[in-house]
Each structure stands twice: as C-alpha cells, then as structure tokens.
C-alpha cells in the first residue's frame, strides 16, 4: 500500500491527465471543425452559416478597421470577390476552460475585380462556450505578403 503523500499526488495526477488531454483534444477538434464550417460559409456566401458561428456581440478587425457582427458577416459573404476555394493550415487551439484561442493561416482562392487571386491570411479567433455551444466572440486577420514579396 502506498502511504507517501507525494506518491499519492503523483498517482492521482497520472490518473487524471489522460482524461484532461482527451477533453482538450476533443475541444480542439470541435474548434477546427467550426473553423472549417466558417471557411465553407465564405465559399458559399452563406451568411446564415457564419451567423450561427459568431456570438451576438462578435467583433471583427482586419486591415480595413473594426466591424460589428453584421458588418463582419457582410465582409465575408458579399462584395466583388468570389471565393472558390478556402482552406486552413497550421491550426493551433489553446483552450482555457470555456474560452479558446485559435490561430492559423487561411488560404482563399477565387476571382475578384482585378482577376484571379490566391491569398493567405493570418487569423486569430477567440471562442467562448456560450449557451452550451462554442461561439466566436472576436476575430482578427491580416493579409500576409505574397510568397515572393517577403
């Protein structure tokens, strides 16, 4: 029988750690899936899909400034650019209880007023579990320089 307090604490930590890691991994997978839904919402210009992902007080900022929820949704689903393909790379989620920060690179390909485009954006989304589901509460992105321009 183990009687050392240190050994008991160590065993208790080892017993709990795999469960915590599984929870975090499941949460990360959920957040990555939500980010993929968002990318597809942009491709399909589906404002309703994006609206389901963002909280009522969501704020969005990019190189053009800060936008409220409806302005941000419109920036993803209207305008002269037609996105035909969107993808996510190098995704990383850091979870803090009911809040998480997801950072990654989003690639967008399509056609705009000046012809075809292939753009890369660095994104950071802050998510919070509200009403039993993950909702994005703040987003920030910036257009990365073209590969040859660095």
N, C-alpha and C. Protein backbone atom coordinates (compact mmCIF):
# COMPACT_ATOMS: atom_id res chain seq x y z
N UNK A 1 0.84 -1.18 0.00
CA UNK A 1 0.00 0.00 0.00
C UNK A 1 0.88 1.24 0.00
N UNK A 2 0.54 2.23 -0.84
CA UNK A 2 1.31 3.46 -0.95
C UNK A 2 0.85 4.43 0.13
N UNK A 3 1.82 4.93 0.93
CA UNK A 3 1.46 5.82 2.02
C UNK A 3 2.08 7.21 1.85
N UNK A 4 3.01 7.36 0.96
CA UNK A 4 3.69 8.64 0.77
C UNK A 4 2.73 9.65 0.13
N UNK A 5 2.57 10.84 0.74
CA UNK A 5 1.69 11.86 0.15
C UNK A 5 2.13 12.24 -1.26
N UNK A 6 3.42 12.30 -1.50
CA UNK A 6 3.92 12.65 -2.82
C UNK A 6 3.52 11.58 -3.84
N UNK A 7 3.64 10.32 -3.46
CA UNK A 7 3.27 9.22 -4.37
C UNK A 7 1.78 9.25 -4.66
N UNK A 8 0.97 9.57 -3.68
CA UNK A 8 -0.49 9.63 -3.87
C UNK A 8 -0.84 10.76 -4.84
N UNK A 9 -0.22 11.92 -4.65
CA UNK A 9 -0.47 13.06 -5.54
C UNK A 9 -0.02 12.72 -6.96
N UNK A 10 1.14 12.09 -7.10
CA UNK A 10 1.66 11.72 -8.41
C UNK A 10 0.73 10.73 -9.11
N UNK A 11 0.26 9.73 -8.40
CA UNK A 11 -0.66 8.75 -8.98
C UNK A 11 -1.99 9.40 -9.37
N UNK A 12 -2.48 10.29 -8.53
CA UNK A 12 -3.74 10.98 -8.83
C UNK A 12 -3.58 11.85 -10.07
N UNK A 13 -2.44 12.52 -10.20
CA UNK A 13 -2.18 13.35 -11.38
C UNK A 13 -2.12 12.50 -12.63
N UNK A 14 -1.43 11.39 -12.57
CA UNK A 14 -1.33 10.50 -13.74
C UNK A 14 -2.69 9.93 -14.11
N UNK A 15 -3.52 9.67 -13.14
CA UNK A 15 -4.85 9.11 -13.42
C UNK A 15 -5.75 10.14 -14.10
N UNK A 16 -5.61 11.42 -13.77
CA UNK A 16 -6.48 12.47 -14.31
C UNK A 16 -5.95 13.01 -15.64
N UNK A 17 -4.65 13.05 -15.84
CA UNK A 17 -4.06 13.68 -17.02
C UNK A 17 -4.59 13.15 -18.34
N UNK A 18 -4.71 11.84 -18.56
CA UNK A 18 -5.23 11.39 -19.85
C UNK A 18 -6.64 11.89 -20.13
N UNK A 19 -7.49 11.98 -19.12
CA UNK A 19 -8.84 12.48 -19.32
C UNK A 19 -8.83 13.94 -19.73
N UNK A 20 -8.01 14.72 -19.04
CA UNK A 20 -7.93 16.14 -19.39
C UNK A 20 -7.39 16.32 -20.81
N UNK A 21 -6.39 15.53 -21.17
CA UNK A 21 -5.83 15.63 -22.51
C UNK A 21 -6.87 15.24 -23.56
N UNK A 22 -7.66 14.21 -23.27
CA UNK A 22 -8.70 13.81 -24.22
C UNK A 22 -9.75 14.89 -24.37
N UNK A 23 -10.14 15.54 -23.27
CA UNK A 23 -11.11 16.63 -23.35
C UNK A 23 -10.58 17.76 -24.21
N UNK A 24 -9.34 18.16 -23.98
CA UNK A 24 -8.75 19.25 -24.75
C UNK A 24 -8.67 18.86 -26.22
N UNK A 25 -8.25 17.67 -26.52
CA UNK A 25 -8.15 17.22 -27.90
C UNK A 25 -9.52 17.22 -28.57
N UNK A 26 -10.53 16.77 -27.87
CA UNK A 26 -11.89 16.78 -28.43
C UNK A 26 -12.34 18.21 -28.67
N UNK A 27 -12.02 19.10 -27.75
CA UNK A 27 -12.38 20.51 -27.90
C UNK A 27 -11.64 21.11 -29.09
N UNK A 28 -10.36 20.82 -29.22
CA UNK A 28 -9.60 21.32 -30.35
C UNK A 28 -10.21 20.84 -31.67
N UNK A 29 -10.55 19.57 -31.74
CA UNK A 29 -11.17 19.04 -32.97
C UNK A 29 -12.48 19.75 -33.27
N UNK A 30 -13.27 20.03 -32.24
CA UNK A 30 -14.53 20.75 -32.43
C UNK A 30 -14.26 22.14 -32.98
N UNK A 31 -13.29 22.84 -32.42
CA UNK A 31 -12.97 24.20 -32.89
C UNK A 31 -12.45 24.18 -34.32
N UNK A 32 -11.62 23.21 -34.67
CA UNK A 32 -11.12 23.10 -36.04
C UNK A 32 -12.28 22.84 -37.01
N UNK A 33 -13.22 22.01 -36.59
CA UNK A 33 -14.39 21.72 -37.42
C UNK A 33 -15.22 23.00 -37.63
N UNK A 34 -15.39 23.78 -36.58
CA UNK A 34 -16.14 25.03 -36.70
C UNK A 34 -15.43 26.02 -37.63
N UNK A 35 -14.11 26.07 -37.55
CA UNK A 35 -13.36 26.95 -38.46
C UNK A 35 -13.50 26.48 -39.91
N UNK A 36 -13.57 25.18 -40.12
CA UNK A 36 -13.78 24.66 -41.47
C UNK A 36 -15.18 25.01 -41.98
N UNK A 37 -16.18 24.94 -41.10
CA UNK A 37 -17.53 25.35 -41.48
C UNK A 37 -17.55 26.82 -41.89
N UNK A 38 -16.79 27.61 -41.16
CA UNK A 38 -16.70 29.04 -41.47
C UNK A 38 -16.09 29.24 -42.87
N UNK A 39 -15.00 28.53 -43.15
CA UNK A 39 -14.35 28.64 -44.47
C UNK A 39 -15.34 28.27 -45.58
N UNK A 40 -16.11 27.22 -45.36
CA UNK A 40 -17.09 26.81 -46.38
C UNK A 40 -18.23 27.83 -46.48
N UNK A 41 -18.57 28.47 -45.38
CA UNK A 41 -19.57 29.55 -45.41
C UNK A 41 -19.10 30.70 -46.29
N UNK A 42 -17.81 30.99 -46.26
CA UNK A 42 -17.25 32.04 -47.11
C UNK A 42 -17.35 31.63 -48.58
N UNK A 43 -16.97 30.39 -48.89
CA UNK A 43 -17.02 29.90 -50.28
C UNK A 43 -18.45 29.98 -50.81
N UNK A 44 -19.42 29.60 -50.00
CA UNK A 44 -20.82 29.54 -50.44
C UNK A 44 -21.58 30.84 -50.18
N UNK A 45 -20.87 31.86 -49.66
CA UNK A 45 -21.51 33.14 -49.32
C UNK A 45 -22.73 32.93 -48.44
N UNK A 46 -22.56 32.07 -47.46
CA UNK A 46 -23.66 31.64 -46.59
C UNK A 46 -23.63 32.43 -45.28
N UNK A 47 -24.29 33.57 -45.28
CA UNK A 47 -24.32 34.44 -44.10
C UNK A 47 -24.96 33.73 -42.91
N UNK A 48 -25.96 32.91 -43.15
CA UNK A 48 -26.63 32.19 -42.05
C UNK A 48 -25.67 31.23 -41.37
N UNK A 49 -24.82 30.56 -42.14
CA UNK A 49 -23.84 29.63 -41.55
C UNK A 49 -22.86 30.38 -40.66
N UNK A 50 -22.37 31.50 -41.13
CA UNK A 50 -21.43 32.29 -40.33
C UNK A 50 -22.13 32.88 -39.12
N UNK A 51 -23.34 33.33 -39.30
CA UNK A 51 -24.13 33.90 -38.18
C UNK A 51 -24.28 32.88 -37.04
N UNK A 52 -24.42 31.60 -37.38
CA UNK A 52 -24.54 30.55 -36.35
C UNK A 52 -23.25 30.38 -35.56
N UNK A 53 -22.12 30.76 -36.15
CA UNK A 53 -20.82 30.55 -35.51
C UNK A 53 -20.39 31.70 -34.62
N UNK A 54 -20.94 32.89 -34.86
CA UNK A 54 -20.47 34.06 -34.13
C UNK A 54 -21.49 34.50 -33.07
N UNK A 55 -20.95 34.97 -31.96
CA UNK A 55 -21.79 35.43 -30.85
C UNK A 55 -22.47 36.75 -31.20
N UNK A 56 -23.55 37.07 -30.51
CA UNK A 56 -24.27 38.32 -30.80
C UNK A 56 -23.41 39.58 -30.74
N UNK A 57 -22.41 39.62 -29.88
CA UNK A 57 -21.56 40.80 -29.76
C UNK A 57 -20.19 40.60 -30.41
N UNK A 58 -20.09 39.65 -31.34
CA UNK A 58 -18.83 39.37 -32.04
C UNK A 58 -18.28 40.64 -32.69
N UNK A 59 -16.97 40.81 -32.61
CA UNK A 59 -16.28 41.91 -33.30
C UNK A 59 -15.22 41.32 -34.22
N UNK A 60 -15.02 42.00 -35.33
CA UNK A 60 -14.06 41.53 -36.34
C UNK A 60 -13.19 42.70 -36.75
N UNK A 61 -11.88 42.48 -36.81
CA UNK A 61 -10.99 43.52 -37.29
C UNK A 61 -10.02 42.96 -38.30
N UNK A 62 -9.73 43.78 -39.29
CA UNK A 62 -8.73 43.46 -40.30
C UNK A 62 -8.04 44.75 -40.70
N UNK A 63 -7.30 44.71 -41.81
CA UNK A 63 -6.54 45.89 -42.21
C UNK A 63 -7.43 47.09 -42.55
N UNK A 64 -8.73 46.86 -42.78
CA UNK A 64 -9.63 47.98 -43.10
C UNK A 64 -10.27 48.61 -41.86
N UNK A 65 -10.18 47.96 -40.71
CA UNK A 65 -10.73 48.53 -39.49
C UNK A 65 -11.50 47.50 -38.66
N UNK A 66 -12.29 48.01 -37.72
CA UNK A 66 -13.09 47.16 -36.84
C UNK A 66 -14.54 47.17 -37.30
N UNK A 67 -15.18 45.99 -37.23
CA UNK A 67 -16.56 45.85 -37.66
C UNK A 67 -17.39 45.17 -36.59
N UNK A 68 -18.68 45.51 -36.57
CA UNK A 68 -19.61 44.81 -35.69
C UNK A 68 -20.04 43.51 -36.37
N UNK A 69 -20.92 42.78 -35.73
CA UNK A 69 -21.32 41.46 -36.21
C UNK A 69 -21.84 41.48 -37.64
N UNK A 70 -22.81 42.32 -37.93
CA UNK A 70 -23.42 42.32 -39.26
C UNK A 70 -22.45 42.81 -40.33
N UNK A 71 -21.64 43.82 -40.00
CA UNK A 71 -20.63 44.30 -40.95
C UNK A 71 -19.60 43.21 -41.24
N UNK A 72 -19.18 42.51 -40.20
CA UNK A 72 -18.20 41.44 -40.39
C UNK A 72 -18.74 40.31 -41.23
N UNK A 73 -19.98 39.90 -40.95
CA UNK A 73 -20.60 38.83 -41.74
C UNK A 73 -20.71 39.26 -43.20
N UNK A 74 -21.12 40.50 -43.43
CA UNK A 74 -21.23 41.00 -44.81
C UNK A 74 -19.88 41.01 -45.50
N UNK A 75 -18.81 41.31 -44.77
CA UNK A 75 -17.48 41.34 -45.40
C UNK A 75 -17.07 39.96 -45.90
N UNK A 76 -17.57 38.90 -45.27
CA UNK A 76 -17.25 37.53 -45.68
C UNK A 76 -18.16 37.01 -46.79
N UNK A 77 -19.34 37.59 -46.93
CA UNK A 77 -20.36 36.97 -47.80
C UNK A 77 -20.83 37.85 -48.94
N UNK A 78 -20.29 39.05 -49.09
CA UNK A 78 -20.71 39.92 -50.19
C UNK A 78 -19.49 40.63 -50.76
N UNK A 79 -19.71 41.46 -51.74
CA UNK A 79 -18.61 42.20 -52.34
C UNK A 79 -18.19 41.61 -53.67
N UNK A 80 -17.18 42.22 -54.29
CA UNK A 80 -16.79 41.83 -55.65
C UNK A 80 -16.03 40.51 -55.75
N UNK A 81 -15.41 40.06 -54.67
CA UNK A 81 -14.63 38.82 -54.73
C UNK A 81 -15.52 37.59 -54.65
N UNK A 82 -15.24 36.62 -55.49
CA UNK A 82 -15.90 35.33 -55.43
C UNK A 82 -14.86 34.30 -55.02
N UNK A 83 -15.01 33.75 -53.82
CA UNK A 83 -14.08 32.75 -53.32
C UNK A 83 -14.53 31.38 -53.80
N UNK A 84 -13.65 30.67 -54.48
CA UNK A 84 -13.98 29.34 -55.00
C UNK A 84 -13.38 28.22 -54.16
N UNK A 85 -12.37 28.56 -53.36
CA UNK A 85 -11.72 27.56 -52.53
C UNK A 85 -11.16 28.23 -51.28
N UNK A 86 -11.38 27.62 -50.13
CA UNK A 86 -10.85 28.13 -48.86
C UNK A 86 -10.29 26.96 -48.08
N UNK A 87 -9.16 27.17 -47.45
CA UNK A 87 -8.55 26.12 -46.65
C UNK A 87 -7.86 26.68 -45.43
N UNK A 88 -7.63 25.83 -44.45
CA UNK A 88 -6.98 26.21 -43.20
C UNK A 88 -5.69 25.43 -43.05
N UNK A 89 -4.62 26.11 -42.64
CA UNK A 89 -3.31 25.49 -42.44
C UNK A 89 -2.76 25.87 -41.07
N UNK A 90 -1.91 25.02 -40.54
CA UNK A 90 -1.17 25.30 -39.31
C UNK A 90 -2.09 25.72 -38.16
N UNK A 91 -3.20 25.03 -38.01
CA UNK A 91 -4.15 25.38 -36.95
C UNK A 91 -3.60 25.02 -35.58
N UNK A 92 -3.86 25.93 -34.66
CA UNK A 92 -3.43 25.73 -33.28
C UNK A 92 -4.51 26.29 -32.36
N UNK A 93 -4.98 25.48 -31.44
CA UNK A 93 -6.01 25.93 -30.48
C UNK A 93 -5.45 25.80 -29.07
N UNK A 94 -5.62 26.87 -28.33
CA UNK A 94 -5.25 26.86 -26.91
C UNK A 94 -6.53 27.07 -26.13
N UNK A 95 -6.85 26.11 -25.28
CA UNK A 95 -8.13 26.11 -24.56
C UNK A 95 -7.90 26.48 -23.10
N UNK A 96 -8.72 27.42 -22.63
CA UNK A 96 -8.71 27.87 -21.23
C UNK A 96 -10.12 27.70 -20.69
N UNK A 97 -10.47 26.49 -20.27
CA UNK A 97 -11.82 26.25 -19.74
C UNK A 97 -12.86 26.45 -20.82
N UNK A 98 -13.72 27.48 -20.64
CA UNK A 98 -14.79 27.71 -21.62
C UNK A 98 -14.41 28.76 -22.67
N UNK A 99 -13.11 29.07 -22.76
CA UNK A 99 -12.62 30.04 -23.73
C UNK A 99 -11.44 29.41 -24.48
N UNK A 100 -11.30 29.76 -25.75
CA UNK A 100 -10.20 29.22 -26.54
C UNK A 100 -9.75 30.25 -27.57
N UNK A 101 -8.48 30.16 -27.90
CA UNK A 101 -7.90 31.00 -28.95
C UNK A 101 -7.41 30.06 -30.05
N UNK A 102 -7.86 30.32 -31.27
CA UNK A 102 -7.44 29.51 -32.42
C UNK A 102 -6.68 30.43 -33.37
N UNK A 103 -5.48 30.01 -33.75
CA UNK A 103 -4.65 30.75 -34.70
C UNK A 103 -4.31 29.83 -35.86
N UNK A 104 -4.25 30.38 -37.05
CA UNK A 104 -3.94 29.59 -38.23
C UNK A 104 -3.76 30.49 -39.44
N UNK A 105 -3.49 29.86 -40.59
CA UNK A 105 -3.43 30.56 -41.87
C UNK A 105 -4.61 30.06 -42.71
N UNK A 106 -5.37 31.01 -43.24
CA UNK A 106 -6.48 30.65 -44.14
C UNK A 106 -6.07 31.05 -45.56
N UNK A 107 -6.22 30.12 -46.48
CA UNK A 107 -5.96 30.41 -47.88
C UNK A 107 -7.30 30.59 -48.59
N UNK A 108 -7.37 31.60 -49.42
CA UNK A 108 -8.56 31.88 -50.21
C UNK A 108 -8.15 32.02 -51.68
N UNK A 109 -8.81 31.27 -52.53
CA UNK A 109 -8.59 31.36 -53.97
C UNK A 109 -9.91 31.74 -54.62
N UNK A 110 -9.82 32.52 -55.68
CA UNK A 110 -11.04 32.90 -56.37
C UNK A 110 -10.77 33.94 -57.43
N UNK A 111 -11.80 34.75 -57.65
CA UNK A 111 -11.73 35.77 -58.68
C UNK A 111 -12.32 37.06 -58.12
N UNK A 112 -11.62 38.16 -58.42
CA UNK A 112 -12.06 39.48 -57.99
C UNK A 112 -12.10 40.44 -59.15
N UNK A 113 -12.28 41.71 -58.85
CA UNK A 113 -12.36 42.75 -59.88
C UNK A 113 -11.09 42.82 -60.73
N UNK A 114 -9.95 42.46 -60.14
CA UNK A 114 -8.68 42.51 -60.86
C UNK A 114 -8.23 41.15 -61.37
N UNK A 115 -9.12 40.18 -61.43
CA UNK A 115 -8.77 38.85 -61.93
C UNK A 115 -8.62 37.83 -60.82
N UNK A 116 -8.00 36.70 -61.13
CA UNK A 116 -7.86 35.62 -60.15
C UNK A 116 -6.98 36.04 -58.98
N UNK A 117 -7.26 35.45 -57.81
CA UNK A 117 -6.41 35.72 -56.64
C UNK A 117 -6.16 34.44 -55.87
N UNK A 118 -5.07 34.45 -55.16
CA UNK A 118 -4.66 33.37 -54.25
C UNK A 118 -4.05 34.08 -53.05
N UNK A 119 -4.80 34.18 -51.97
CA UNK A 119 -4.38 34.98 -50.81
C UNK A 119 -4.21 34.10 -49.57
N UNK A 120 -3.35 34.57 -48.69
CA UNK A 120 -3.13 33.91 -47.40
C UNK A 120 -3.33 34.95 -46.30
N UNK A 121 -4.13 34.56 -45.30
CA UNK A 121 -4.41 35.44 -44.18
C UNK A 121 -3.97 34.77 -42.88
N UNK A 122 -3.40 35.53 -41.96
CA UNK A 122 -3.12 35.04 -40.61
C UNK A 122 -4.33 35.40 -39.77
N UNK A 123 -4.95 34.39 -39.18
CA UNK A 123 -6.18 34.57 -38.39
C UNK A 123 -5.95 34.26 -36.93
N UNK A 124 -6.69 34.95 -36.09
CA UNK A 124 -6.82 34.61 -34.67
C UNK A 124 -8.29 34.80 -34.31
N UNK A 125 -8.91 33.72 -33.87
CA UNK A 125 -10.29 33.77 -33.39
C UNK A 125 -10.31 33.44 -31.91
N UNK A 126 -11.14 34.16 -31.18
CA UNK A 126 -11.37 33.85 -29.77
C UNK A 126 -12.78 33.28 -29.65
N UNK A 127 -12.86 32.08 -29.09
CA UNK A 127 -14.12 31.35 -28.95
C UNK A 127 -14.47 31.25 -27.47
N UNK A 128 -15.77 31.21 -27.20
CA UNK A 128 -16.25 31.01 -25.83
C UNK A 128 -17.46 30.07 -25.89
N UNK A 129 -17.53 29.22 -24.90
CA UNK A 129 -18.69 28.33 -24.82
C UNK A 129 -19.83 29.12 -24.18
N UNK A 130 -20.83 29.45 -24.98
CA UNK A 130 -21.99 30.23 -24.55
C UNK A 130 -23.25 29.44 -24.85
N UNK A 131 -24.13 29.33 -23.90
CA UNK A 131 -25.37 28.60 -24.13
C UNK A 131 -25.14 27.15 -24.53
N UNK A 132 -24.05 26.57 -24.05
CA UNK A 132 -23.77 25.16 -24.32
C UNK A 132 -23.08 24.87 -25.65
N UNK A 133 -22.70 25.91 -26.40
CA UNK A 133 -22.00 25.67 -27.68
C UNK A 133 -20.91 26.71 -27.88
N UNK A 134 -19.90 26.35 -28.65
CA UNK A 134 -18.81 27.26 -28.94
C UNK A 134 -19.26 28.33 -29.92
N UNK A 135 -19.00 29.59 -29.55
CA UNK A 135 -19.32 30.73 -30.42
C UNK A 135 -18.09 31.64 -30.47
N UNK A 136 -17.81 32.16 -31.64
CA UNK A 136 -16.69 33.07 -31.79
C UNK A 136 -17.10 34.44 -31.24
N UNK A 137 -16.25 35.02 -30.38
CA UNK A 137 -16.57 36.32 -29.80
C UNK A 137 -15.71 37.44 -30.38
N UNK A 138 -14.57 37.09 -30.98
CA UNK A 138 -13.71 38.12 -31.60
C UNK A 138 -12.82 37.46 -32.64
N UNK A 139 -12.60 38.17 -33.75
CA UNK A 139 -11.74 37.68 -34.84
C UNK A 139 -10.84 38.81 -35.30
N UNK A 140 -9.64 38.43 -35.68
CA UNK A 140 -8.70 39.39 -36.25
C UNK A 140 -7.91 38.66 -37.33
N UNK A 141 -7.74 39.32 -38.47
CA UNK A 141 -6.90 38.74 -39.50
C UNK A 141 -6.13 39.83 -40.22
N UNK A 142 -5.10 39.40 -40.93
CA UNK A 142 -4.40 40.32 -41.81
C UNK A 142 -3.92 39.55 -43.03
N UNK A 143 -3.89 40.25 -44.13
CA UNK A 143 -3.43 39.68 -45.39
C UNK A 143 -1.91 39.54 -45.32
N UNK A 144 -1.43 38.31 -45.53
CA UNK A 144 0.01 38.06 -45.48
C UNK A 144 0.62 38.48 -46.82
N UNK A 145 1.87 38.93 -46.80
CA UNK A 145 2.51 39.28 -48.05
C UNK A 145 2.62 38.07 -48.97
N UNK A 146 2.60 38.32 -50.27
CA UNK A 146 2.76 37.24 -51.24
C UNK A 146 4.12 36.55 -50.99
N UNK A 147 4.21 35.28 -51.33
CA UNK A 147 5.43 34.49 -51.07
C UNK A 147 6.68 35.20 -51.58
N UNK A 148 6.64 35.76 -52.76
CA UNK A 148 7.82 36.41 -53.34
C UNK A 148 8.09 37.79 -52.79
N UNK A 149 7.15 38.36 -52.05
CA UNK A 149 7.28 39.73 -51.56
C UNK A 149 7.97 39.83 -50.20
N UNK A 150 8.30 38.71 -49.60
CA UNK A 150 8.89 38.75 -48.25
C UNK A 150 10.34 39.10 -48.27
